Amino acid sequence: MSDLTTAWSAVPRSLREQDRSALRSGGRDLVRVVARLMSWFWVQWRRREIIRVLNKVDDRLLQDAGIERGDIEEIVDTLVARWR
């Protein structure tokens, strides 16, 4: 499976269904859908970057910030949810 196929399957189902209706209805809806997809991809990329950086941080520094190593993904998901 290619990276694009994998990425497409990771897109929330609601976004995929809107894509199909936008293709049928016209250009304005398509622009909105493309903008939402670009936004979704940016958020997912940013999420992975934050997780990558926090995984590199020393355990002591994480503890000082009140973060357990096992909770990194949950904390980042909470942060990302605030952006939406």
PDB file of N, CA and C in Angstrom:
ATOM      1  N   MET A   1       0.842  -1.171   0.000  1.00  0.00           N
ATOM      2  CA  MET A   1       0.000   0.000   0.000  1.00  0.00           C
ATOM      3  C   MET A   1       0.892   1.240   0.000  1.00  0.00           C
ATOM      4  N   SER A   2       0.542   2.213  -0.822  1.00  0.00           N
ATOM      5  CA  SER A   2       1.366   3.414  -0.915  1.00  0.00           C
ATOM      6  C   SER A   2       1.110   4.348   0.262  1.00  0.00           C
ATOM      7  N   ASP A   3       1.969   5.336   0.406  1.00  0.00           N
ATOM      8  CA  ASP A   3       1.804   6.308   1.488  1.00  0.00           C
ATOM      9  C   ASP A   3       0.521   7.112   1.333  1.00  0.00           C
ATOM     10  N   LEU A   4       0.164   7.438   0.080  1.00  0.00           N
ATOM     11  CA  LEU A   4      -1.068   8.197  -0.133  1.00  0.00           C
ATOM     12  C   LEU A   4      -2.295   7.380   0.244  1.00  0.00           C
ATOM     13  N   THR A   5      -2.281   6.107  -0.079  1.00  0.00           N
ATOM     14  CA  THR A   5      -3.404   5.247   0.294  1.00  0.00           C
ATOM     15  C   THR A   5      -3.505   5.143   1.803  1.00  0.00           C
ATOM     16  N   THR A   6      -2.388   4.996   2.458  1.00  0.00           N
ATOM     17  CA  THR A   6      -2.377   4.931   3.912  1.00  0.00           C
ATOM     18  C   THR A   6      -2.875   6.236   4.501  1.00  0.00           C
ATOM     19  N   ALA A   7      -2.419   7.353   3.977  1.00  0.00           N
ATOM     20  CA  ALA A   7      -2.850   8.653   4.479  1.00  0.00           C
ATOM     21  C   ALA A   7      -4.344   8.845   4.250  1.00  0.00           C
ATOM     22  N   TRP A   8      -4.843   8.428   3.093  1.00  0.00           N
ATOM     23  CA  TRP A   8      -6.265   8.584   2.797  1.00  0.00           C
ATOM     24  C   TRP A   8      -7.120   7.756   3.755  1.00  0.00           C
ATOM     25  N   SER A   9      -6.668   6.566   4.107  1.00  0.00           N
ATOM     26  CA  SER A   9      -7.449   5.736   5.018  1.00  0.00           C
ATOM     27  C   SER A   9      -7.418   6.289   6.437  1.00  0.00           C
ATOM     28  N   ALA A  10      -6.420   7.111   6.756  1.00  0.00           N
ATOM     29  CA  ALA A  10      -6.327   7.707   8.086  1.00  0.00           C
ATOM     30  C   ALA A  10      -7.195   8.953   8.222  1.00  0.00           C
ATOM     31  N   VAL A  11      -7.636   9.512   7.100  1.00  0.00           N
ATOM     32  CA  VAL A  11      -8.487  10.700   7.135  1.00  0.00           C
ATOM     33  C   VAL A  11      -9.837  10.310   7.740  1.00  0.00           C
ATOM     34  N   PRO A  12     -10.352  11.130   8.628  1.00  0.00           N
ATOM     35  CA  PRO A  12     -11.648  10.807   9.226  1.00  0.00           C
ATOM     36  C   PRO A  12     -12.726  10.592   8.166  1.00  0.00           C
ATOM     37  N   ARG A  13     -13.610   9.648   8.430  1.00  0.00           N
ATOM     38  CA  ARG A  13     -14.648   9.283   7.466  1.00  0.00           C
ATOM     39  C   ARG A  13     -15.515  10.490   7.087  1.00  0.00           C
ATOM     40  N   SER A  14     -15.818  11.362   8.023  1.00  0.00           N
ATOM     41  CA  SER A  14     -16.662  12.527   7.732  1.00  0.00           C
ATOM     42  C   SER A  14     -16.019  13.417   6.674  1.00  0.00           C
ATOM     43  N   LEU A  15     -14.700  13.557   6.735  1.00  0.00           N
ATOM     44  CA  LEU A  15     -14.007  14.352   5.721  1.00  0.00           C
ATOM     45  C   LEU A  15     -14.082  13.678   4.355  1.00  0.00           C
ATOM     46  N   ARG A  16     -13.925  12.357   4.326  1.00  0.00           N
ATOM     47  CA  ARG A  16     -13.969  11.649   3.045  1.00  0.00           C
ATOM     48  C   ARG A  16     -15.341  11.753   2.400  1.00  0.00           C
ATOM     49  N   GLU A  17     -16.414  11.659   3.188  1.00  0.00           N
ATOM     50  CA  GLU A  17     -17.762  11.758   2.634  1.00  0.00           C
ATOM     51  C   GLU A  17     -18.025  13.155   2.110  1.00  0.00           C
ATOM     52  N   GLN A  18     -17.512  14.174   2.782  1.00  0.00           N
ATOM     53  CA  GLN A  18     -17.683  15.535   2.300  1.00  0.00           C
ATOM     54  C   GLN A  18     -16.932  15.745   0.991  1.00  0.00           C
ATOM     55  N   ASP A  19     -15.810  15.061   0.827  1.00  0.00           N
ATOM     56  CA  ASP A  19     -15.054  15.172  -0.418  1.00  0.00           C
ATOM     57  C   ASP A  19     -15.898  14.720  -1.599  1.00  0.00           C
ATOM     58  N   ARG A  20     -16.584  13.615  -1.440  1.00  0.00           N
ATOM     59  CA  ARG A  20     -17.397  13.085  -2.540  1.00  0.00           C
ATOM     60  C   ARG A  20     -18.528  14.037  -2.898  1.00  0.00           C
ATOM     61  N   SER A  21     -19.207  14.583  -1.900  1.00  0.00           N
ATOM     62  CA  SER A  21     -20.315  15.502  -2.186  1.00  0.00           C
ATOM     63  C   SER A  21     -19.785  16.801  -2.787  1.00  0.00           C
ATOM     64  N   ALA A  22     -18.615  17.237  -2.365  1.00  0.00           N
ATOM     65  CA  ALA A  22     -18.036  18.473  -2.898  1.00  0.00           C
ATOM     66  C   ALA A  22     -17.665  18.316  -4.366  1.00  0.00           C
ATOM     67  N   LEU A  23     -17.183  17.152  -4.739  1.00  0.00           N
ATOM     68  CA  LEU A  23     -16.828  16.930  -6.135  1.00  0.00           C
ATOM     69  C   LEU A  23     -18.062  17.023  -7.028  1.00  0.00           C
ATOM     70  N   ARG A  24     -19.208  16.593  -6.501  1.00  0.00           N
ATOM     71  CA  ARG A  24     -20.434  16.645  -7.282  1.00  0.00           C
ATOM     72  C   ARG A  24     -21.039  18.045  -7.310  1.00  0.00           C
ATOM     73  N   SER A  25     -20.868  18.826  -6.247  1.00  0.00           N
ATOM     74  CA  SER A  25     -21.601  20.083  -6.136  1.00  0.00           C
ATOM     75  C   SER A  25     -20.899  21.283  -6.768  1.00  0.00           C
ATOM     76  N   GLY A  26     -19.603  21.280  -6.887  1.00  0.00           N
ATOM     77  CA  GLY A  26     -18.965  22.414  -7.550  1.00  0.00           C
ATOM     78  C   GLY A  26     -17.677  22.846  -6.904  1.00  0.00           C
ATOM     79  N   GLY A  27     -17.146  23.966  -7.415  1.00  0.00           N
ATOM     80  CA  GLY A  27     -15.824  24.431  -7.051  1.00  0.00           C
ATOM     81  C   GLY A  27     -15.659  24.972  -5.647  1.00  0.00           C
ATOM     82  N   ARG A  28     -16.621  25.737  -5.157  1.00  0.00           N
ATOM     83  CA  ARG A  28     -16.463  26.337  -3.834  1.00  0.00           C
ATOM     84  C   ARG A  28     -16.351  25.282  -2.748  1.00  0.00           C
ATOM     85  N   ASP A  29     -17.215  24.293  -2.826  1.00  0.00           N
ATOM     86  CA  ASP A  29     -17.156  23.224  -1.825  1.00  0.00           C
ATOM     87  C   ASP A  29     -15.840  22.468  -1.921  1.00  0.00           C
ATOM     88  N   LEU A  30     -15.359  22.293  -3.129  1.00  0.00           N
ATOM     89  CA  LEU A  30     -14.095  21.585  -3.323  1.00  0.00           C
ATOM     90  C   LEU A  30     -12.943  22.350  -2.677  1.00  0.00           C
ATOM     91  N   VAL A  31     -12.963  23.675  -2.802  1.00  0.00           N
ATOM     92  CA  VAL A  31     -11.919  24.497  -2.186  1.00  0.00           C
ATOM     93  C   VAL A  31     -11.955  24.339  -0.668  1.00  0.00           C
ATOM     94  N   ARG A  32     -13.156  24.338  -0.092  1.00  0.00           N
ATOM     95  CA  ARG A  32     -13.285  24.153   1.352  1.00  0.00           C
ATOM     96  C   ARG A  32     -12.760  22.796   1.793  1.00  0.00           C
ATOM     97  N   VAL A  33     -13.094  21.776   1.029  1.00  0.00           N
ATOM     98  CA  VAL A  33     -12.650  20.428   1.385  1.00  0.00           C
ATOM     99  C   VAL A  33     -11.135  20.326   1.287  1.00  0.00           C
ATOM    100  N   VAL A  34     -10.559  20.881   0.241  1.00  0.00           N
ATOM    101  CA  VAL A  34      -9.105  20.854   0.086  1.00  0.00           C
ATOM    102  C   VAL A  34      -8.446  21.617   1.236  1.00  0.00           C
ATOM    103  N   ALA A  35      -9.033  22.743   1.615  1.00  0.00           N
ATOM    104  CA  ALA A  35      -8.484  23.517   2.735  1.00  0.00           C
ATOM    105  C   ALA A  35      -8.567  22.718   4.030  1.00  0.00           C
ATOM    106  N   ARG A  36      -9.676  22.031   4.261  1.00  0.00           N
ATOM    107  CA  ARG A  36      -9.818  21.216   5.474  1.00  0.00           C
ATOM    108  C   ARG A  36      -8.836  20.046   5.464  1.00  0.00           C
ATOM    109  N   LEU A  37      -8.649  19.429   4.299  1.00  0.00           N
ATOM    110  CA  LEU A  37      -7.688  18.325   4.203  1.00  0.00           C
ATOM    111  C   LEU A  37      -6.274  18.808   4.467  1.00  0.00           C
ATOM    112  N   MET A  38      -5.923  19.953   3.905  1.00  0.00           N
ATOM    113  CA  MET A  38      -4.597  20.511   4.141  1.00  0.00           C
ATOM    114  C   MET A  38      -4.406  20.820   5.622  1.00  0.00           C
ATOM    115  N   SER A  39      -5.435  21.363   6.246  1.00  0.00           N
ATOM    116  CA  SER A  39      -5.381  21.658   7.673  1.00  0.00           C
ATOM    117  C   SER A  39      -5.215  20.377   8.476  1.00  0.00           C
ATOM    118  N   TRP A  40      -5.955  19.345   8.103  1.00  0.00           N
ATOM    119  CA  TRP A  40      -5.865  18.065   8.812  1.00  0.00           C
ATOM    120  C   TRP A  40      -4.460  17.479   8.684  1.00  0.00           C
ATOM    121  N   PHE A  41      -3.910  17.499   7.465  1.00  0.00           N
ATOM    122  CA  PHE A  41      -2.556  16.983   7.270  1.00  0.00           C
ATOM    123  C   PHE A  41      -1.542  17.776   8.080  1.00  0.00           C
ATOM    124  N   TRP A  42      -1.695  19.114   8.140  1.00  0.00           N
ATOM    125  CA  TRP A  42      -0.781  19.945   8.912  1.00  0.00           C
ATOM    126  C   TRP A  42      -0.850  19.588  10.394  1.00  0.00           C
ATOM    127  N   VAL A  43      -2.056  19.422  10.921  1.00  0.00           N
ATOM    128  CA  VAL A  43      -2.217  19.088  12.341  1.00  0.00           C
ATOM    129  C   VAL A  43      -1.580  17.729  12.635  1.00  0.00           C
ATOM    130  N   GLN A  44      -1.786  16.764  11.749  1.00  0.00           N
ATOM    131  CA  GLN A  44      -1.200  15.438  11.970  1.00  0.00           C
ATOM    132  C   GLN A  44       0.325  15.499  11.914  1.00  0.00           C
ATOM    133  N   TRP A  45       0.878  16.263  10.984  1.00  0.00           N
ATOM    134  CA  TRP A  45       2.327  16.414  10.894  1.00  0.00           C
ATOM    135  C   TRP A  45       2.866  17.077  12.158  1.00  0.00           C
ATOM    136  N   ARG A  46       2.177  18.134  12.589  1.00  0.00           N
ATOM    137  CA  ARG A  46       2.607  18.850  13.791  1.00  0.00           C
ATOM    138  C   ARG A  46       2.549  17.947  15.021  1.00  0.00           C
ATOM    139  N   ARG A  47       1.506  17.129  15.110  1.00  0.00           N
ATOM    140  CA  ARG A  47       1.356  16.182  16.222  1.00  0.00           C
ATOM    141  C   ARG A  47       2.554  15.233  16.280  1.00  0.00           C
ATOM    142  N   ARG A  48       2.899  14.661  15.123  1.00  0.00           N
ATOM    143  CA  ARG A  48       4.037  13.735  15.077  1.00  0.00           C
ATOM    144  C   ARG A  48       5.341  14.426  15.461  1.00  0.00           C
ATOM    145  N   GLU A  49       5.511  15.688  15.028  1.00  0.00           N
ATOM    146  CA  GLU A  49       6.718  16.440  15.364  1.00  0.00           C
ATOM    147  C   GLU A  49       6.821  16.692  16.864  1.00  0.00           C
ATOM    148  N   ILE A  50       5.715  17.067  17.490  1.00  0.00           N
ATOM    149  CA  ILE A  50       5.724  17.327  18.932  1.00  0.00           C
ATOM    150  C   ILE A  50       6.047  16.049  19.696  1.00  0.00           C
ATOM    151  N   ILE A  51       5.443  14.944  19.288  1.00  0.00           N
ATOM    152  CA  ILE A  51       5.716  13.659  19.943  1.00  0.00           C
ATOM    153  C   ILE A  51       7.181  13.280  19.776  1.00  0.00           C
ATOM    154  N   ARG A  52       7.716  13.485  18.571  1.00  0.00           N
ATOM    155  CA  ARG A  52       9.122  13.151  18.312  1.00  0.00           C
ATOM    156  C   ARG A  52      10.050  13.960  19.214  1.00  0.00           C
ATOM    157  N   VAL A  53       9.775  15.240  19.335  1.00  0.00           N
ATOM    158  CA  VAL A  53      10.618  16.114  20.162  1.00  0.00           C
ATOM    159  C   VAL A  53      10.508  15.742  21.633  1.00  0.00           C
ATOM    160  N   LEU A  54       9.286  15.514  22.108  1.00  0.00           N
ATOM    161  CA  LEU A  54       9.118  15.161  23.519  1.00  0.00           C
ATOM    162  C   LEU A  54       9.748  13.812  23.844  1.00  0.00           C
ATOM    163  N   ASN A  55       9.775  12.911  22.893  1.00  0.00           N
ATOM    164  CA  ASN A  55      10.428  11.615  23.133  1.00  0.00           C
ATOM    165  C   ASN A  55      11.945  11.758  23.259  1.00  0.00           C
ATOM    166  N   LYS A  56      12.499  12.827  22.693  1.00  0.00           N
ATOM    167  CA  LYS A  56      13.942  13.068  22.797  1.00  0.00           C
ATOM    168  C   LYS A  56      14.336  13.738  24.104  1.00  0.00           C
ATOM    169  N   VAL A  57      13.352  14.340  24.782  1.00  0.00           N
ATOM    170  CA  VAL A  57      13.628  15.075  26.015  1.00  0.00           C
ATOM    171  C   VAL A  57      13.996  14.103  27.133  1.00  0.00           C
ATOM    172  N   ASP A  58      14.911  14.539  27.978  1.00  0.00           N
ATOM    173  CA  ASP A  58      15.367  13.761  29.125  1.00  0.00           C
ATOM    174  C   ASP A  58      14.205  13.506  30.094  1.00  0.00           C
ATOM    175  N   ASP A  59      14.203  12.319  30.725  1.00  0.00           N
ATOM    176  CA  ASP A  59      13.139  11.950  31.658  1.00  0.00           C
ATOM    177  C   ASP A  59      13.028  12.935  32.812  1.00  0.00           C
ATOM    178  N   ARG A  60      14.134  13.415  33.295  1.00  0.00           N
ATOM    179  CA  ARG A  60      14.131  14.352  34.417  1.00  0.00           C
ATOM    180  C   ARG A  60      13.416  15.648  34.043  1.00  0.00           C
ATOM    181  N   LEU A  61      13.691  16.147  32.858  1.00  0.00           N
ATOM    182  CA  LEU A  61      13.046  17.371  32.402  1.00  0.00           C
ATOM    183  C   LEU A  61      11.547  17.157  32.203  1.00  0.00           C
ATOM    184  N   LEU A  62      11.180  15.993  31.683  1.00  0.00           N
ATOM    185  CA  LEU A  62       9.755  15.682  31.536  1.00  0.00           C
ATOM    186  C   LEU A  62       9.069  15.633  32.894  1.00  0.00           C
ATOM    187  N   GLN A  63       9.723  15.010  33.866  1.00  0.00           N
ATOM    188  CA  GLN A  63       9.157  14.944  35.212  1.00  0.00           C
ATOM    189  C   GLN A  63       8.989  16.339  35.803  1.00  0.00           C
ATOM    190  N   ASP A  64       9.953  17.211  35.582  1.00  0.00           N
ATOM    191  CA  ASP A  64       9.855  18.581  36.074  1.00  0.00           C
ATOM    192  C   ASP A  64       8.656  19.309  35.457  1.00  0.00           C
ATOM    193  N   ALA A  65       8.316  18.946  34.234  1.00  0.00           N
ATOM    194  CA  ALA A  65       7.160  19.554  33.566  1.00  0.00           C
ATOM    195  C   ALA A  65       5.863  18.851  33.937  1.00  0.00           C
ATOM    196  N   GLY A  66       5.960  17.749  34.689  1.00  0.00           N
ATOM    197  CA  GLY A  66       4.769  17.019  35.106  1.00  0.00           C
ATOM    198  C   GLY A  66       4.253  16.056  34.062  1.00  0.00           C
ATOM    199  N   ILE A  67       5.152  15.592  33.201  1.00  0.00           N
ATOM    200  CA  ILE A  67       4.767  14.686  32.115  1.00  0.00           C
ATOM    201  C   ILE A  67       5.447  13.344  32.325  1.00  0.00           C
ATOM    202  N   GLU A  68       4.667  12.288  32.290  1.00  0.00           N
ATOM    203  CA  GLU A  68       5.224  10.930  32.308  1.00  0.00           C
ATOM    204  C   GLU A  68       5.488  10.511  30.870  1.00  0.00           C
ATOM    205  N   ARG A  69       6.534   9.756  30.656  1.00  0.00           N
ATOM    206  CA  ARG A  69       6.888   9.349  29.296  1.00  0.00           C
ATOM    207  C   ARG A  69       5.737   8.613  28.601  1.00  0.00           C
ATOM    208  N   GLY A  70       5.006   7.798  29.352  1.00  0.00           N
ATOM    209  CA  GLY A  70       3.897   7.045  28.759  1.00  0.00           C
ATOM    210  C   GLY A  70       2.686   7.896  28.417  1.00  0.00           C
ATOM    211  N   ASP A  71       2.643   9.120  28.919  1.00  0.00           N
ATOM    212  CA  ASP A  71       1.498  10.002  28.684  1.00  0.00           C
ATOM    213  C   ASP A  71       1.738  11.024  27.587  1.00  0.00           C
ATOM    214  N   ILE A  72       2.857  10.940  26.913  1.00  0.00           N
ATOM    215  CA  ILE A  72       3.202  11.950  25.906  1.00  0.00           C
ATOM    216  C   ILE A  72       2.137  12.040  24.821  1.00  0.00           C
ATOM    217  N   GLU A  73       1.743  10.913  24.251  1.00  0.00           N
ATOM    218  CA  GLU A  73       0.774  10.945  23.153  1.00  0.00           C
ATOM    219  C   GLU A  73      -0.569  11.499  23.614  1.00  0.00           C
ATOM    220  N   GLU A  74      -1.002  11.126  24.798  1.00  0.00           N
ATOM    221  CA  GLU A  74      -2.275  11.620  25.321  1.00  0.00           C
ATOM    222  C   GLU A  74      -2.219  13.132  25.533  1.00  0.00           C
ATOM    223  N   ILE A  75      -1.120  13.622  26.056  1.00  0.00           N
ATOM    224  CA  ILE A  75      -0.960  15.063  26.280  1.00  0.00           C
ATOM    225  C   ILE A  75      -0.935  15.813  24.954  1.00  0.00           C
ATOM    226  N   VAL A  76      -0.232  15.273  23.984  1.00  0.00           N
ATOM    227  CA  VAL A  76      -0.164  15.926  22.670  1.00  0.00           C
ATOM    228  C   VAL A  76      -1.537  15.900  22.008  1.00  0.00           C
ATOM    229  N   ASP A  77      -2.273  14.799  22.125  1.00  0.00           N
ATOM    230  CA  ASP A  77      -3.619  14.737  21.548  1.00  0.00           C
ATOM    231  C   ASP A  77      -4.541  15.776  22.187  1.00  0.00           C
ATOM    232  N   THR A  78      -4.404  15.981  23.493  1.00  0.00           N
ATOM    233  CA  THR A  78      -5.193  17.000  24.177  1.00  0.00           C
ATOM    234  C   THR A  78      -4.827  18.390  23.667  1.00  0.00           C
ATOM    235  N   LEU A  79      -3.538  18.625  23.468  1.00  0.00           N
ATOM    236  CA  LEU A  79      -3.078  19.902  22.933  1.00  0.00           C
ATOM    237  C   LEU A  79      -3.622  20.125  21.523  1.00  0.00           C
ATOM    238  N   VAL A  80      -3.546  19.108  20.695  1.00  0.00           N
ATOM    239  CA  VAL A  80      -4.033  19.220  19.315  1.00  0.00           C
ATOM    240  C   VAL A  80      -5.538  19.445  19.290  1.00  0.00           C
ATOM    241  N   ALA A  81      -6.267  18.818  20.198  1.00  0.00           N
ATOM    242  CA  ALA A  81      -7.724  18.999  20.243  1.00  0.00           C
ATOM    243  C   ALA A  81      -8.087  20.451  20.548  1.00  0.00           C
ATOM    244  N   ARG A  82      -7.243  21.144  21.282  1.00  0.00           N
ATOM    245  CA  ARG A  82      -7.508  22.556  21.576  1.00  0.00           C
ATOM    246  C   ARG A  82      -7.381  23.430  20.335  1.00  0.00           C
ATOM    247  N   TRP A  83      -6.563  23.010  19.367  1.00  0.00           N
ATOM    248  CA  TRP A  83      -6.368  23.782  18.146  1.00  0.00           C
ATOM    249  C   TRP A  83      -7.580  23.730  17.235  1.00  0.00           C
ATOM    250  N   ARG A  84      -8.385  22.713  17.381  1.00  0.00           N
ATOM    251  CA  ARG A  84      -9.504  22.524  16.447  1.00  0.00           C
ATOM    252  C   ARG A  84     -10.691  23.287  16.837  1.00  0.00           C
TER     253      ARG A  84
END
